[in-house]
Amino acid sequence: MSVSPDHTASLADRAVDLALRAIDQGHSAGATFAAATETAAQAFLGRRVPITAIAELTERVMDQLDPAPINDLSDATEATERARAAPRI
């Protein structure tokens, strides 16, 4: 799939918007964003989804999981695991 430069910029803007959303939400949102993006990128690299789906899949996970306080490493690990296991459909 060929992606035009304008569409590429739009995809980058969406990814940045999601990252800023995670910063604004705080708590576990950053871990959720990172794990969801990583999982979506792995799906792209495995040729299961187009590159254009990465931000959409990340956003779906962020919409499903409410940010929770991070008090220690186990909280961060739990947030990461929840994001990796979240359904994306």
PDB file of N, CA and C in Angstrom:
ATOM      1  N   MET A   1       0.838  -1.169   0.000  1.00  0.00           N
ATOM      2  CA  MET A   1       0.000   0.000   0.000  1.00  0.00           C
ATOM      3  C   MET A   1       0.883   1.232   0.000  1.00  0.00           C
ATOM      4  N   SER A   2       0.661   2.106  -0.939  1.00  0.00           N
ATOM      5  CA  SER A   2       1.392   3.353  -1.023  1.00  0.00           C
ATOM      6  C   SER A   2       0.632   4.416  -0.236  1.00  0.00           C
ATOM      7  N   VAL A   3       1.358   5.203   0.546  1.00  0.00           N
ATOM      8  CA  VAL A   3       0.747   6.243   1.356  1.00  0.00           C
ATOM      9  C   VAL A   3       1.301   7.585   0.898  1.00  0.00           C
ATOM     10  N   SER A   4       0.420   8.517   0.560  1.00  0.00           N
ATOM     11  CA  SER A   4       0.845   9.822   0.076  1.00  0.00           C
ATOM     12  C   SER A   4       1.509  10.625   1.197  1.00  0.00           C
ATOM     13  N   PRO A   5       2.351  11.600   0.838  1.00  0.00           N
ATOM     14  CA  PRO A   5       2.985  12.435   1.870  1.00  0.00           C
ATOM     15  C   PRO A   5       1.974  13.154   2.765  1.00  0.00           C
ATOM     16  N   ASP A   6       0.873  13.637   2.173  1.00  0.00           N
ATOM     17  CA  ASP A   6      -0.146  14.306   2.992  1.00  0.00           C
ATOM     18  C   ASP A   6      -0.782  13.342   3.980  1.00  0.00           C
ATOM     19  N   HIS A   7      -1.047  12.116   3.516  1.00  0.00           N
ATOM     20  CA  HIS A   7      -1.647  11.107   4.395  1.00  0.00           C
ATOM     21  C   HIS A   7      -0.659  10.699   5.485  1.00  0.00           C
ATOM     22  N   THR A   8       0.618  10.635   5.142  1.00  0.00           N
ATOM     23  CA  THR A   8       1.645  10.301   6.126  1.00  0.00           C
ATOM     24  C   THR A   8       1.689  11.362   7.224  1.00  0.00           C
ATOM     25  N   ALA A   9       1.616  12.627   6.827  1.00  0.00           N
ATOM     26  CA  ALA A   9       1.612  13.708   7.810  1.00  0.00           C
ATOM     27  C   ALA A   9       0.382  13.607   8.702  1.00  0.00           C
ATOM     28  N   SER A  10      -0.754  13.275   8.119  1.00  0.00           N
ATOM     29  CA  SER A  10      -1.981  13.116   8.884  1.00  0.00           C
ATOM     30  C   SER A  10      -1.860  11.981   9.900  1.00  0.00           C
ATOM     31  N   LEU A  11      -1.251  10.876   9.480  1.00  0.00           N
ATOM     32  CA  LEU A  11      -1.040   9.743  10.395  1.00  0.00           C
ATOM     33  C   LEU A  11      -0.108  10.141  11.536  1.00  0.00           C
ATOM     34  N   ALA A  12       0.933  10.878  11.208  1.00  0.00           N
ATOM     35  CA  ALA A  12       1.875  11.330  12.239  1.00  0.00           C
ATOM     36  C   ALA A  12       1.178  12.274  13.215  1.00  0.00           C
ATOM     37  N   ASP A  13       0.356  13.178  12.695  1.00  0.00           N
ATOM     38  CA  ASP A  13      -0.393  14.095  13.563  1.00  0.00           C
ATOM     39  C   ASP A  13      -1.300  13.324  14.515  1.00  0.00           C
ATOM     40  N   ARG A  14      -1.941  12.295  14.012  1.00  0.00           N
ATOM     41  CA  ARG A  14      -2.848  11.491  14.858  1.00  0.00           C
ATOM     42  C   ARG A  14      -2.059  10.782  15.956  1.00  0.00           C
ATOM     43  N   ALA A  15      -0.899  10.252  15.605  1.00  0.00           N
ATOM     44  CA  ALA A  15      -0.062   9.572  16.605  1.00  0.00           C
ATOM     45  C   ALA A  15       0.407  10.558  17.669  1.00  0.00           C
ATOM     46  N   VAL A  16       0.811  11.748  17.255  1.00  0.00           N
ATOM     47  CA  VAL A  16       1.239  12.769  18.216  1.00  0.00           C
ATOM     48  C   VAL A  16       0.070  13.169  19.102  1.00  0.00           C
ATOM     49  N   ASP A  17      -1.116  13.330  18.521  1.00  0.00           N
ATOM     50  CA  ASP A  17      -2.305  13.659  19.317  1.00  0.00           C
ATOM     51  C   ASP A  17      -2.568  12.595  20.386  1.00  0.00           C
ATOM     52  N   LEU A  18      -2.397  11.337  20.022  1.00  0.00           N
ATOM     53  CA  LEU A  18      -2.608  10.255  20.994  1.00  0.00           C
ATOM     54  C   LEU A  18      -1.550  10.296  22.100  1.00  0.00           C
ATOM     55  N   ALA A  19      -0.320  10.577  21.731  1.00  0.00           N
ATOM     56  CA  ALA A  19       0.749  10.687  22.735  1.00  0.00           C
ATOM     57  C   ALA A  19       0.474  11.849  23.679  1.00  0.00           C
ATOM     58  N   LEU A  20       0.038  12.978  23.141  1.00  0.00           N
ATOM     59  CA  LEU A  20      -0.297  14.128  23.984  1.00  0.00           C
ATOM     60  C   LEU A  20      -1.493  13.822  24.883  1.00  0.00           C
ATOM     61  N   ARG A  21      -2.440  13.068  24.368  1.00  0.00           N
ATOM     62  CA  ARG A  21      -3.584  12.645  25.175  1.00  0.00           C
ATOM     63  C   ARG A  21      -3.101  11.812  26.363  1.00  0.00           C
ATOM     64  N   ALA A  22      -2.169  10.901  26.116  1.00  0.00           N
ATOM     65  CA  ALA A  22      -1.629  10.066  27.195  1.00  0.00           C
ATOM     66  C   ALA A  22      -0.933  10.931  28.245  1.00  0.00           C
ATOM     67  N   ILE A  23      -0.200  11.938  27.794  1.00  0.00           N
ATOM     68  CA  ILE A  23       0.474  12.840  28.738  1.00  0.00           C
ATOM     69  C   ILE A  23      -0.559  13.600  29.558  1.00  0.00           C
ATOM     70  N   ASP A  24      -1.575  14.114  28.899  1.00  0.00           N
ATOM     71  CA  ASP A  24      -2.617  14.873  29.597  1.00  0.00           C
ATOM     72  C   ASP A  24      -3.369  14.014  30.612  1.00  0.00           C
ATOM     73  N   GLN A  25      -3.647  12.758  30.250  1.00  0.00           N
ATOM     74  CA  GLN A  25      -4.395  11.875  31.143  1.00  0.00           C
ATOM     75  C   GLN A  25      -3.551  11.416  32.326  1.00  0.00           C
ATOM     76  N   GLY A  26      -2.259  11.287  32.117  1.00  0.00           N
ATOM     77  CA  GLY A  26      -1.376  10.857  33.204  1.00  0.00           C
ATOM     78  C   GLY A  26      -1.640   9.436  33.650  1.00  0.00           C
ATOM     79  N   HIS A  27      -1.234   9.139  34.865  1.00  0.00           N
ATOM     80  CA  HIS A  27      -1.382   7.817  35.455  1.00  0.00           C
ATOM     81  C   HIS A  27      -0.837   6.742  34.503  1.00  0.00           C
ATOM     82  N   SER A  28      -1.642   5.738  34.205  1.00  0.00           N
ATOM     83  CA  SER A  28      -1.180   4.620  33.376  1.00  0.00           C
ATOM     84  C   SER A  28      -1.374   4.861  31.880  1.00  0.00           C
ATOM     85  N   ALA A  29      -1.868   6.025  31.492  1.00  0.00           N
ATOM     86  CA  ALA A  29      -2.149   6.283  30.075  1.00  0.00           C
ATOM     87  C   ALA A  29      -0.894   6.169  29.208  1.00  0.00           C
ATOM     88  N   GLY A  30       0.252   6.578  29.718  1.00  0.00           N
ATOM     89  CA  GLY A  30       1.490   6.468  28.947  1.00  0.00           C
ATOM     90  C   GLY A  30       1.872   5.020  28.683  1.00  0.00           C
ATOM     91  N   ALA A  31       1.733   4.185  29.695  1.00  0.00           N
ATOM     92  CA  ALA A  31       2.024   2.761  29.523  1.00  0.00           C
ATOM     93  C   ALA A  31       1.025   2.124  28.564  1.00  0.00           C
ATOM     94  N   THR A  32      -0.221   2.537  28.663  1.00  0.00           N
ATOM     95  CA  THR A  32      -1.256   2.028  27.753  1.00  0.00           C
ATOM     96  C   THR A  32      -0.941   2.433  26.321  1.00  0.00           C
ATOM     97  N   PHE A  33      -0.607   3.701  26.116  1.00  0.00           N
ATOM     98  CA  PHE A  33      -0.264   4.195  24.780  1.00  0.00           C
ATOM     99  C   PHE A  33       0.914   3.415  24.202  1.00  0.00           C
ATOM    100  N   ALA A  34       1.966   3.265  24.991  1.00  0.00           N
ATOM    101  CA  ALA A  34       3.169   2.586  24.503  1.00  0.00           C
ATOM    102  C   ALA A  34       2.895   1.128  24.150  1.00  0.00           C
ATOM    103  N   ALA A  35       2.204   0.413  25.028  1.00  0.00           N
ATOM    104  CA  ALA A  35       1.934  -1.004  24.773  1.00  0.00           C
ATOM    105  C   ALA A  35       0.974  -1.195  23.608  1.00  0.00           C
ATOM    106  N   ALA A  36      -0.033  -0.333  23.517  1.00  0.00           N
ATOM    107  CA  ALA A  36      -0.996  -0.451  22.414  1.00  0.00           C
ATOM    108  C   ALA A  36      -0.320  -0.152  21.076  1.00  0.00           C
ATOM    109  N   THR A  37       0.529   0.873  21.061  1.00  0.00           N
ATOM    110  CA  THR A  37       1.250   1.214  19.837  1.00  0.00           C
ATOM    111  C   THR A  37       2.203   0.090  19.445  1.00  0.00           C
ATOM    112  N   GLU A  38       2.903  -0.456  20.416  1.00  0.00           N
ATOM    113  CA  GLU A  38       3.829  -1.566  20.154  1.00  0.00           C
ATOM    114  C   GLU A  38       3.090  -2.771  19.573  1.00  0.00           C
ATOM    115  N   THR A  39       1.959  -3.113  20.151  1.00  0.00           N
ATOM    116  CA  THR A  39       1.184  -4.255  19.676  1.00  0.00           C
ATOM    117  C   THR A  39       0.646  -4.018  18.267  1.00  0.00           C
ATOM    118  N   ALA A  40       0.164  -2.795  18.014  1.00  0.00           N
ATOM    119  CA  ALA A  40      -0.340  -2.459  16.677  1.00  0.00           C
ATOM    120  C   ALA A  40       0.799  -2.470  15.652  1.00  0.00           C
ATOM    121  N   ALA A  41       1.968  -1.978  16.038  1.00  0.00           N
ATOM    122  CA  ALA A  41       3.115  -1.992  15.122  1.00  0.00           C
ATOM    123  C   ALA A  41       3.548  -3.426  14.820  1.00  0.00           C
ATOM    124  N   GLN A  42       3.495  -4.293  15.814  1.00  0.00           N
ATOM    125  CA  GLN A  42       3.818  -5.705  15.571  1.00  0.00           C
ATOM    126  C   GLN A  42       2.824  -6.327  14.594  1.00  0.00           C
ATOM    127  N   ALA A  43       1.559  -5.959  14.704  1.00  0.00           N
ATOM    128  CA  ALA A  43       0.547  -6.462  13.764  1.00  0.00           C
ATOM    129  C   ALA A  43       0.861  -5.961  12.349  1.00  0.00           C
ATOM    130  N   PHE A  44       1.295  -4.710  12.240  1.00  0.00           N
ATOM    131  CA  PHE A  44       1.690  -4.179  10.936  1.00  0.00           C
ATOM    132  C   PHE A  44       2.898  -4.936  10.389  1.00  0.00           C
ATOM    133  N   LEU A  45       3.910  -5.112  11.208  1.00  0.00           N
ATOM    134  CA  LEU A  45       5.127  -5.811  10.764  1.00  0.00           C
ATOM    135  C   LEU A  45       4.838  -7.261  10.394  1.00  0.00           C
ATOM    136  N   GLY A  46       3.820  -7.843  11.036  1.00  0.00           N
ATOM    137  CA  GLY A  46       3.402  -9.200  10.712  1.00  0.00           C
ATOM    138  C   GLY A  46       2.436  -9.250   9.535  1.00  0.00           C
ATOM    139  N   ARG A  47       2.232  -8.111   8.913  1.00  0.00           N
ATOM    140  CA  ARG A  47       1.367  -7.972   7.731  1.00  0.00           C
ATOM    141  C   ARG A  47      -0.094  -8.327   8.013  1.00  0.00           C
ATOM    142  N   ARG A  48      -0.517  -8.118   9.265  1.00  0.00           N
ATOM    143  CA  ARG A  48      -1.914  -8.388   9.625  1.00  0.00           C
ATOM    144  C   ARG A  48      -2.788  -7.147   9.493  1.00  0.00           C
ATOM    145  N   VAL A  49      -2.171  -5.966   9.547  1.00  0.00           N
ATOM    146  CA  VAL A  49      -2.909  -4.711   9.384  1.00  0.00           C
ATOM    147  C   VAL A  49      -2.056  -3.755   8.558  1.00  0.00           C
ATOM    148  N   PRO A  50      -2.700  -2.792   7.880  1.00  0.00           N
ATOM    149  CA  PRO A  50      -1.923  -1.783   7.162  1.00  0.00           C
ATOM    150  C   PRO A  50      -1.339  -0.767   8.146  1.00  0.00           C
ATOM    151  N   ILE A  51      -0.329  -0.069   7.718  1.00  0.00           N
ATOM    152  CA  ILE A  51       0.299   0.938   8.587  1.00  0.00           C
ATOM    153  C   ILE A  51      -0.696   1.992   9.030  1.00  0.00           C
ATOM    154  N   THR A  52      -1.668   2.251   8.197  1.00  0.00           N
ATOM    155  CA  THR A  52      -2.679   3.253   8.521  1.00  0.00           C
ATOM    156  C   THR A  52      -3.556   2.851   9.704  1.00  0.00           C
ATOM    157  N   ALA A  53      -3.505   1.599  10.129  1.00  0.00           N
ATOM    158  CA  ALA A  53      -4.336   1.126  11.241  1.00  0.00           C
ATOM    159  C   ALA A  53      -3.677   1.283  12.607  1.00  0.00           C
ATOM    160  N   ILE A  54      -2.391   1.604  12.642  1.00  0.00           N
ATOM    161  CA  ILE A  54      -1.687   1.650  13.929  1.00  0.00           C
ATOM    162  C   ILE A  54      -2.326   2.654  14.883  1.00  0.00           C
ATOM    163  N   ALA A  55      -2.527   3.888  14.443  1.00  0.00           N
ATOM    164  CA  ALA A  55      -3.110   4.905  15.325  1.00  0.00           C
ATOM    165  C   ALA A  55      -4.541   4.538  15.715  1.00  0.00           C
ATOM    166  N   GLU A  56      -5.303   4.016  14.771  1.00  0.00           N
ATOM    167  CA  GLU A  56      -6.683   3.632  15.065  1.00  0.00           C
ATOM    168  C   GLU A  56      -6.737   2.542  16.135  1.00  0.00           C
ATOM    169  N   LEU A  57      -5.889   1.543  16.008  1.00  0.00           N
ATOM    170  CA  LEU A  57      -5.871   0.456  16.987  1.00  0.00           C
ATOM    171  C   LEU A  57      -5.410   0.970  18.353  1.00  0.00           C
ATOM    172  N   THR A  58      -4.427   1.843  18.353  1.00  0.00           N
ATOM    173  CA  THR A  58      -3.943   2.430  19.609  1.00  0.00           C
ATOM    174  C   THR A  58      -5.052   3.224  20.286  1.00  0.00           C
ATOM    175  N   GLU A  59      -5.760   4.015  19.501  1.00  0.00           N
ATOM    176  CA  GLU A  59      -6.848   4.828  20.057  1.00  0.00           C
ATOM    177  C   GLU A  59      -7.954   3.945  20.641  1.00  0.00           C
ATOM    178  N   ARG A  60      -8.275   2.861  19.980  1.00  0.00           N
ATOM    179  CA  ARG A  60      -9.313   1.953  20.499  1.00  0.00           C
ATOM    180  C   ARG A  60      -8.944   1.428  21.879  1.00  0.00           C
ATOM    181  N   VAL A  61      -7.682   1.043  22.035  1.00  0.00           N
ATOM    182  CA  VAL A  61      -7.242   0.530  23.339  1.00  0.00           C
ATOM    183  C   VAL A  61      -7.293   1.643  24.386  1.00  0.00           C
ATOM    184  N   MET A  62      -6.831   2.834  24.013  1.00  0.00           N
ATOM    185  CA  MET A  62      -6.863   3.945  24.963  1.00  0.00           C
ATOM    186  C   MET A  62      -8.293   4.291  25.371  1.00  0.00           C
ATOM    187  N   ASP A  63      -9.230   4.151  24.444  1.00  0.00           N
ATOM    188  CA  ASP A  63     -10.637   4.412  24.749  1.00  0.00           C
ATOM    189  C   ASP A  63     -11.218   3.357  25.692  1.00  0.00           C
ATOM    190  N   GLN A  64     -10.720   2.146  25.609  1.00  0.00           N
ATOM    191  CA  GLN A  64     -11.248   1.030  26.412  1.00  0.00           C
ATOM    192  C   GLN A  64     -10.748   1.040  27.849  1.00  0.00           C
ATOM    193  N   LEU A  65      -9.538   1.542  28.072  1.00  0.00           N
ATOM    194  CA  LEU A  65      -8.906   1.413  29.387  1.00  0.00           C
ATOM    195  C   LEU A  65      -8.777   2.782  30.065  1.00  0.00           C
ATOM    196  N   ASP A  66      -9.370   2.902  31.228  1.00  0.00           N
ATOM    197  CA  ASP A  66      -9.238   4.141  31.999  1.00  0.00           C
ATOM    198  C   ASP A  66      -7.871   4.197  32.662  1.00  0.00           C
ATOM    199  N   PRO A  67      -7.235   5.363  32.667  1.00  0.00           N
ATOM    200  CA  PRO A  67      -5.942   5.494  33.339  1.00  0.00           C
ATOM    201  C   PRO A  67      -6.067   5.209  34.838  1.00  0.00           C
ATOM    202  N   ALA A  68      -5.139   4.438  35.350  1.00  0.00           N
ATOM    203  CA  ALA A  68      -5.113   4.103  36.773  1.00  0.00           C
ATOM    204  C   ALA A  68      -3.802   4.625  37.365  1.00  0.00           C
ATOM    205  N   PRO A  69      -3.800   4.932  38.650  1.00  0.00           N
ATOM    206  CA  PRO A  69      -2.571   5.425  39.271  1.00  0.00           C
ATOM    207  C   PRO A  69      -1.427   4.413  39.154  1.00  0.00           C
ATOM    208  N   ILE A  70      -0.239   4.943  38.974  1.00  0.00           N
ATOM    209  CA  ILE A  70       0.979   4.115  38.945  1.00  0.00           C
ATOM    210  C   ILE A  70       1.757   4.436  40.223  1.00  0.00           C
ATOM    211  N   ASN A  71       1.786   3.476  41.140  1.00  0.00           N
ATOM    212  CA  ASN A  71       2.490   3.672  42.402  1.00  0.00           C
ATOM    213  C   ASN A  71       3.820   2.941  42.460  1.00  0.00           C
ATOM    214  N   ASP A  72       3.937   1.913  41.628  1.00  0.00           N
ATOM    215  CA  ASP A  72       5.182   1.145  41.616  1.00  0.00           C
ATOM    216  C   ASP A  72       5.298   0.401  40.286  1.00  0.00           C
ATOM    217  N   LEU A  73       6.375  -0.333  40.134  1.00  0.00           N
ATOM    218  CA  LEU A  73       6.636  -1.038  38.882  1.00  0.00           C
ATOM    219  C   LEU A  73       5.547  -2.054  38.560  1.00  0.00           C
ATOM    220  N   SER A  74       4.991  -2.688  39.560  1.00  0.00           N
ATOM    221  CA  SER A  74       3.948  -3.685  39.289  1.00  0.00           C
ATOM    222  C   SER A  74       2.702  -3.021  38.698  1.00  0.00           C
ATOM    223  N   ASP A  75       2.392  -1.795  39.113  1.00  0.00           N
ATOM    224  CA  ASP A  75       1.264  -1.077  38.520  1.00  0.00           C
ATOM    225  C   ASP A  75       1.526  -0.782  37.043  1.00  0.00           C
ATOM    226  N   ALA A  76       2.738  -0.373  36.728  1.00  0.00           N
ATOM    227  CA  ALA A  76       3.097  -0.091  35.335  1.00  0.00           C
ATOM    228  C   ALA A  76       3.061  -1.361  34.496  1.00  0.00           C
ATOM    229  N   THR A  77       3.555  -2.439  35.050  1.00  0.00           N
ATOM    230  CA  THR A  77       3.543  -3.724  34.352  1.00  0.00           C
ATOM    231  C   THR A  77       2.113  -4.181  34.099  1.00  0.00           C
ATOM    232  N   GLU A  78       1.254  -4.020  35.097  1.00  0.00           N
ATOM    233  CA  GLU A  78      -0.146  -4.407  34.947  1.00  0.00           C
ATOM    234  C   GLU A  78      -0.836  -3.574  33.861  1.00  0.00           C
ATOM    235  N   ALA A  79      -0.569  -2.282  33.827  1.00  0.00           N
ATOM    236  CA  ALA A  79      -1.163  -1.417  32.803  1.00  0.00           C
ATOM    237  C   ALA A  79      -0.701  -1.833  31.410  1.00  0.00           C
ATOM    238  N   THR A  80       0.565  -2.164  31.295  1.00  0.00           N
ATOM    239  CA  THR A  80       1.115  -2.611  30.019  1.00  0.00           C
ATOM    240  C   THR A  80       0.458  -3.916  29.578  1.00  0.00           C
ATOM    241  N   GLU A  81       0.331  -4.854  30.488  1.00  0.00           N
ATOM    242  CA  GLU A  81      -0.282  -6.150  30.162  1.00  0.00           C
ATOM    243  C   GLU A  81      -1.755  -6.000  29.772  1.00  0.00           C
ATOM    244  N   ARG A  82      -2.472  -5.107  30.482  1.00  0.00           N
ATOM    245  CA  ARG A  82      -3.883  -4.868  30.134  1.00  0.00           C
ATOM    246  C   ARG A  82      -4.010  -4.297  28.725  1.00  0.00           C
ATOM    247  N   ALA A  83      -3.133  -3.387  28.374  1.00  0.00           N
ATOM    248  CA  ALA A  83      -3.180  -2.776  27.034  1.00  0.00           C
ATOM    249  C   ALA A  83      -2.835  -3.795  25.953  1.00  0.00           C
ATOM    250  N   ARG A  84      -1.861  -4.647  26.225  1.00  0.00           N
ATOM    251  CA  ARG A  84      -1.493  -5.668  25.232  1.00  0.00           C
ATOM    252  C   ARG A  84      -2.598  -6.700  25.025  1.00  0.00           C
ATOM    253  N   ALA A  85      -3.387  -6.934  26.075  1.00  0.00           N
ATOM    254  CA  ALA A  85      -4.450  -7.954  26.000  1.00  0.00           C
ATOM    255  C   ALA A  85      -5.795  -7.381  25.557  1.00  0.00           C
ATOM    256  N   ALA A  86      -5.912  -6.062  25.495  1.00  0.00           N
ATOM    257  CA  ALA A  86      -7.200  -5.442  25.176  1.00  0.00           C
ATOM    258  C   ALA A  86      -7.651  -5.779  23.759  1.00  0.00           C
ATOM    259  N   PRO A  87      -8.941  -6.053  23.601  1.00  0.00           N
ATOM    260  CA  PRO A  87      -9.466  -6.276  22.257  1.00  0.00           C
ATOM    261  C   PRO A  87      -9.378  -4.991  21.444  1.00  0.00           C
ATOM    262  N   ARG A  88      -9.152  -5.128  20.160  1.00  0.00           N
ATOM    263  CA  ARG A  88      -8.977  -3.966  19.306  1.00  0.00           C
ATOM    264  C   ARG A  88     -10.116  -3.779  18.314  1.00  0.00           C
ATOM    265  N   ILE A  89     -11.140  -4.564  18.433  1.00  0.00           N
ATOM    266  CA  ILE A  89     -12.252  -4.459  17.475  1.00  0.00           C
ATOM    267  C   ILE A  89     -13.439  -3.818  18.151  1.00  0.00           C
TER     268      ILE A  89
END
